[in-house]
Amino acid sequence: MEWTWGDLRITDETELVDLDKVCEMLAVSYWAADRDRRTVEASVRGSLCLSAFVGELQVGFLRAVTDRATFAWICDVVVDEAHRRGGIGKRLMETALSHPAIRDTNMGLATRDAHGLYERYGFVRREAMARTKNQTAPIGRSGL
């Protein structure tokens, strides 16, 4: 599927993911800086991915780990530094929340610093148990 807003195009076609660009964006994140290319590639293959493009340049990415029936874990939401503050992250979230494969699932995510962004989309802070090397504050939507 594909969505467009002016020059911005978002697609869920996994084969269009620019793996080099996604690895570059994740490498400067606090949660995935040590993730190697092989791991990123495997995570893309096993997830519903949304890629944001301006022209042919990938400028954003969102990954949802999901069974497509009961839950979706929103993760790896990144926007290229040169394209931040232009609403791309918001468009990625809006697209994920309306995507037919996950719109009716319970959704969760974890963030250390973007609670305000996700609360706009109905996510609420909740206490949750996790076994992870990255300590973040989990927040959920629709019962998670």
C-alpha atoms as a PDB file:
ATOM      1  CA  MET A   1       0.000   0.000   0.000  1.00  0.00           C
ATOM      2  CA  GLU A   2       1.055   3.590  -0.472  1.00  0.00           C
ATOM      3  CA  TRP A   3       0.045   6.935   1.035  1.00  0.00           C
ATOM      4  CA  THR A   4       1.043  10.407  -0.166  1.00  0.00           C
ATOM      5  CA  TRP A   5       1.023  13.931   1.247  1.00  0.00           C
ATOM      6  CA  GLY A   6       2.544  16.382  -1.207  1.00  0.00           C
ATOM      7  CA  ASP A   7       6.167  15.317  -1.746  1.00  0.00           C
ATOM      8  CA  LEU A   8       6.022  12.733   1.053  1.00  0.00           C
ATOM      9  CA  ARG A   9       5.253   9.119   0.135  1.00  0.00           C
ATOM     10  CA  ILE A  10       4.870   6.303   2.672  1.00  0.00           C
ATOM     11  CA  THR A  11       4.832   2.674   1.592  1.00  0.00           C
ATOM     12  CA  ASP A  12       4.573  -0.675   3.336  1.00  0.00           C
ATOM     13  CA  GLU A  13       6.413  -2.496   0.548  1.00  0.00           C
ATOM     14  CA  THR A  14       9.317  -4.194   2.316  1.00  0.00           C
ATOM     15  CA  GLU A  15      11.301  -4.572  -0.883  1.00  0.00           C
ATOM     16  CA  LEU A  16      11.524  -0.761  -1.140  1.00  0.00           C
ATOM     17  CA  VAL A  17      13.238  -0.352   2.257  1.00  0.00           C
ATOM     18  CA  ASP A  18      16.639   1.291   1.737  1.00  0.00           C
ATOM     19  CA  LEU A  19      18.493  -0.900   4.209  1.00  0.00           C
ATOM     20  CA  ASP A  20      21.637   1.248   4.093  1.00  0.00           C
ATOM     21  CA  LYS A  21      19.635   4.363   4.999  1.00  0.00           C
ATOM     22  CA  VAL A  22      17.665   2.598   7.744  1.00  0.00           C
ATOM     23  CA  CYS A  23      20.913   1.290   9.259  1.00  0.00           C
ATOM     24  CA  GLU A  24      22.348   4.826   9.092  1.00  0.00           C
ATOM     25  CA  MET A  25      19.309   6.325  10.861  1.00  0.00           C
ATOM     26  CA  LEU A  26      19.226   3.598  13.518  1.00  0.00           C
ATOM     27  CA  ALA A  27      22.973   3.938  14.153  1.00  0.00           C
ATOM     28  CA  VAL A  28      22.424   7.378  15.688  1.00  0.00           C
ATOM     29  CA  SER A  29      19.457   6.307  17.836  1.00  0.00           C
ATOM     30  CA  TYR A  30      19.787   5.567  21.545  1.00  0.00           C
ATOM     31  CA  TRP A  31      18.040   2.201  21.245  1.00  0.00           C
ATOM     32  CA  ALA A  32      19.656   0.641  18.173  1.00  0.00           C
ATOM     33  CA  ALA A  33      23.106   2.212  17.850  1.00  0.00           C
ATOM     34  CA  ASP A  34      24.791  -1.173  18.304  1.00  0.00           C
ATOM     35  CA  ARG A  35      22.452  -3.116  16.006  1.00  0.00           C
ATOM     36  CA  ASP A  36      24.339  -4.666  13.093  1.00  0.00           C
ATOM     37  CA  ARG A  37      23.122  -4.714   9.499  1.00  0.00           C
ATOM     38  CA  ARG A  38      22.279  -8.422   9.575  1.00  0.00           C
ATOM     39  CA  THR A  39      20.006  -7.919  12.567  1.00  0.00           C
ATOM     40  CA  VAL A  40      18.322  -4.896  10.959  1.00  0.00           C
ATOM     41  CA  GLU A  41      17.750  -6.889   7.778  1.00  0.00           C
ATOM     42  CA  ALA A  42      16.215  -9.803   9.720  1.00  0.00           C
ATOM     43  CA  SER A  43      13.975  -7.429  11.701  1.00  0.00           C
ATOM     44  CA  VAL A  44      12.722  -5.818   8.486  1.00  0.00           C
ATOM     45  CA  ARG A  45      11.894  -9.220   6.978  1.00  0.00           C
ATOM     46  CA  GLY A  46       9.907 -10.231  10.063  1.00  0.00           C
ATOM     47  CA  SER A  47       7.896  -7.040  10.538  1.00  0.00           C
ATOM     48  CA  LEU A  48       5.388  -4.726   8.957  1.00  0.00           C
ATOM     49  CA  CYS A  49       7.539  -1.786   7.846  1.00  0.00           C
ATOM     50  CA  LEU A  50       6.592   1.703   6.772  1.00  0.00           C
ATOM     51  CA  SER A  51       9.133   3.675   4.767  1.00  0.00           C
ATOM     52  CA  ALA A  52       8.827   7.411   4.176  1.00  0.00           C
ATOM     53  CA  PHE A  53      10.316   8.848   0.990  1.00  0.00           C
ATOM     54  CA  VAL A  54      10.812  12.302  -0.453  1.00  0.00           C
ATOM     55  CA  GLY A  55      11.480  11.598  -4.104  1.00  0.00           C
ATOM     56  CA  GLU A  56      13.685   8.504  -4.134  1.00  0.00           C
ATOM     57  CA  LEU A  57      15.354   9.332  -0.781  1.00  0.00           C
ATOM     58  CA  GLN A  58      14.211   7.377   2.254  1.00  0.00           C
ATOM     59  CA  VAL A  59      13.749   9.914   5.055  1.00  0.00           C
ATOM     60  CA  GLY A  60      11.835   7.920   7.668  1.00  0.00           C
ATOM     61  CA  PHE A  61      11.061   4.436   8.898  1.00  0.00           C
ATOM     62  CA  LEU A  62       8.683   2.706  11.307  1.00  0.00           C
ATOM     63  CA  ARG A  63       8.564  -0.975  12.138  1.00  0.00           C
ATOM     64  CA  ALA A  64       5.662  -2.881  13.723  1.00  0.00           C
ATOM     65  CA  VAL A  65       6.215  -6.329  15.175  1.00  0.00           C
ATOM     66  CA  THR A  66       2.794  -7.943  14.952  1.00  0.00           C
ATOM     67  CA  ASP A  67       0.727 -11.089  14.621  1.00  0.00           C
ATOM     68  CA  ARG A  68      -1.719  -8.941  12.583  1.00  0.00           C
ATOM     69  CA  ALA A  69      -4.594 -10.107  14.781  1.00  0.00           C
ATOM     70  CA  THR A  70      -4.141  -9.215  18.453  1.00  0.00           C
ATOM     71  CA  PHE A  71      -1.055  -7.058  18.986  1.00  0.00           C
ATOM     72  CA  ALA A  72       1.435  -4.726  17.355  1.00  0.00           C
ATOM     73  CA  TRP A  73       4.618  -3.414  18.934  1.00  0.00           C
ATOM     74  CA  ILE A  74       5.608  -0.118  17.316  1.00  0.00           C
ATOM     75  CA  CYS A  75       9.371   0.299  17.196  1.00  0.00           C
ATOM     76  CA  ASP A  76      12.287   1.786  15.295  1.00  0.00           C
ATOM     77  CA  VAL A  77      10.464   5.019  14.508  1.00  0.00           C
ATOM     78  CA  VAL A  78      13.202   7.174  12.972  1.00  0.00           C
ATOM     79  CA  VAL A  79      13.396  10.224  10.757  1.00  0.00           C
ATOM     80  CA  ASP A  80      16.549  11.394   9.028  1.00  0.00           C
ATOM     81  CA  GLU A  81      18.017  14.318  10.939  1.00  0.00           C
ATOM     82  CA  ALA A  82      17.867  16.635   7.917  1.00  0.00           C
ATOM     83  CA  HIS A  83      14.110  15.991   7.600  1.00  0.00           C
ATOM     84  CA  ARG A  84      13.020  16.245  11.237  1.00  0.00           C
ATOM     85  CA  ARG A  85      10.445  18.761  12.435  1.00  0.00           C
ATOM     86  CA  GLY A  86       8.488  18.455   9.202  1.00  0.00           C
ATOM     87  CA  GLY A  87       5.771  16.093  10.413  1.00  0.00           C
ATOM     88  CA  ILE A  88       7.222  12.887   8.929  1.00  0.00           C
ATOM     89  CA  GLY A  89       7.170  11.060  12.278  1.00  0.00           C
ATOM     90  CA  LYS A  90       3.552  12.069  12.760  1.00  0.00           C
ATOM     91  CA  ARG A  91       2.640  10.825   9.278  1.00  0.00           C
ATOM     92  CA  LEU A  92       4.368   7.510   9.977  1.00  0.00           C
ATOM     93  CA  MET A  93       2.360   7.120  13.196  1.00  0.00           C
ATOM     94  CA  GLU A  94      -0.924   8.091  11.522  1.00  0.00           C
ATOM     95  CA  THR A  95      -0.242   5.565   8.776  1.00  0.00           C
ATOM     96  CA  ALA A  96       0.577   2.816  11.263  1.00  0.00           C
ATOM     97  CA  LEU A  97      -2.552   3.488  13.311  1.00  0.00           C
ATOM     98  CA  SER A  98      -4.758   3.320  10.236  1.00  0.00           C
ATOM     99  CA  HIS A  99      -2.955   0.458   8.476  1.00  0.00           C
ATOM    100  CA  PRO A 100      -5.471  -2.348   7.837  1.00  0.00           C
ATOM    101  CA  ALA A 101      -3.056  -5.024   9.071  1.00  0.00           C
ATOM    102  CA  ILE A 102      -2.758  -3.539  12.577  1.00  0.00           C
ATOM    103  CA  ARG A 103      -5.375  -0.823  13.128  1.00  0.00           C
ATOM    104  CA  ASP A 104      -7.604  -3.140  15.183  1.00  0.00           C
ATOM    105  CA  THR A 105      -4.836  -4.634  17.333  1.00  0.00           C
ATOM    106  CA  ASN A 106      -3.711  -3.676  20.815  1.00  0.00           C
ATOM    107  CA  MET A 107      -0.572  -1.598  20.355  1.00  0.00           C
ATOM    108  CA  GLY A 108       2.411  -0.950  22.545  1.00  0.00           C
ATOM    109  CA  LEU A 109       5.729   0.790  22.297  1.00  0.00           C
ATOM    110  CA  ALA A 110       8.577   1.951  24.478  1.00  0.00           C
ATOM    111  CA  THR A 111      10.196   5.357  24.465  1.00  0.00           C
ATOM    112  CA  ARG A 112      12.646   7.206  26.608  1.00  0.00           C
ATOM    113  CA  ASP A 113      11.919  10.688  25.334  1.00  0.00           C
ATOM    114  CA  ALA A 114       8.875  11.005  23.053  1.00  0.00           C
ATOM    115  CA  HIS A 115       5.949  10.384  25.381  1.00  0.00           C
ATOM    116  CA  GLY A 116       4.135  13.530  24.247  1.00  0.00           C
ATOM    117  CA  LEU A 117       4.178  12.478  20.607  1.00  0.00           C
ATOM    118  CA  TYR A 118       2.721   9.044  21.279  1.00  0.00           C
ATOM    119  CA  GLU A 119       0.171  10.247  23.840  1.00  0.00           C
ATOM    120  CA  ARG A 120      -1.389  12.319  21.024  1.00  0.00           C
ATOM    121  CA  TYR A 121      -2.272   9.040  19.343  1.00  0.00           C
ATOM    122  CA  GLY A 122      -3.959   7.448  22.352  1.00  0.00           C
ATOM    123  CA  PHE A 123      -0.960   5.759  23.934  1.00  0.00           C
ATOM    124  CA  VAL A 124      -0.819   5.966  27.725  1.00  0.00           C
ATOM    125  CA  ARG A 125       2.043   5.377  30.112  1.00  0.00           C
ATOM    126  CA  ARG A 126       1.766   2.027  31.820  1.00  0.00           C
ATOM    127  CA  GLU A 127       3.904  -0.079  34.020  1.00  0.00           C
ATOM    128  CA  ALA A 128       5.054  -3.161  32.179  1.00  0.00           C
ATOM    129  CA  MET A 129       7.595  -5.867  32.678  1.00  0.00           C
ATOM    130  CA  ALA A 130      10.390  -6.171  30.191  1.00  0.00           C
ATOM    131  CA  ARG A 131      13.592  -8.060  29.712  1.00  0.00           C
ATOM    132  CA  THR A 132      15.758  -5.762  27.653  1.00  0.00           C
ATOM    133  CA  LYS A 133      19.192  -4.201  27.590  1.00  0.00           C
ATOM    134  CA  ASN A 134      17.708  -0.778  26.742  1.00  0.00           C
ATOM    135  CA  GLN A 135      15.713   0.612  29.632  1.00  0.00           C
ATOM    136  CA  THR A 136      12.812   2.668  28.330  1.00  0.00           C
ATOM    137  CA  ALA A 137       9.444   3.707  29.634  1.00  0.00           C
ATOM    138  CA  PRO A 138       6.809   1.411  28.079  1.00  0.00           C
ATOM    139  CA  ILE A 139       3.508   2.898  27.055  1.00  0.00           C
ATOM    140  CA  GLY A 140       0.528   1.103  25.582  1.00  0.00           C
ATOM    141  CA  ARG A 141      -2.657   1.690  23.655  1.00  0.00           C
ATOM    142  CA  SER A 142      -5.939  -0.201  23.803  1.00  0.00           C
ATOM    143  CA  GLY A 143      -5.239  -2.270  26.867  1.00  0.00           C
ATOM    144  CA  LEU A 144      -1.550  -3.134  26.619  1.00  0.00           C
END
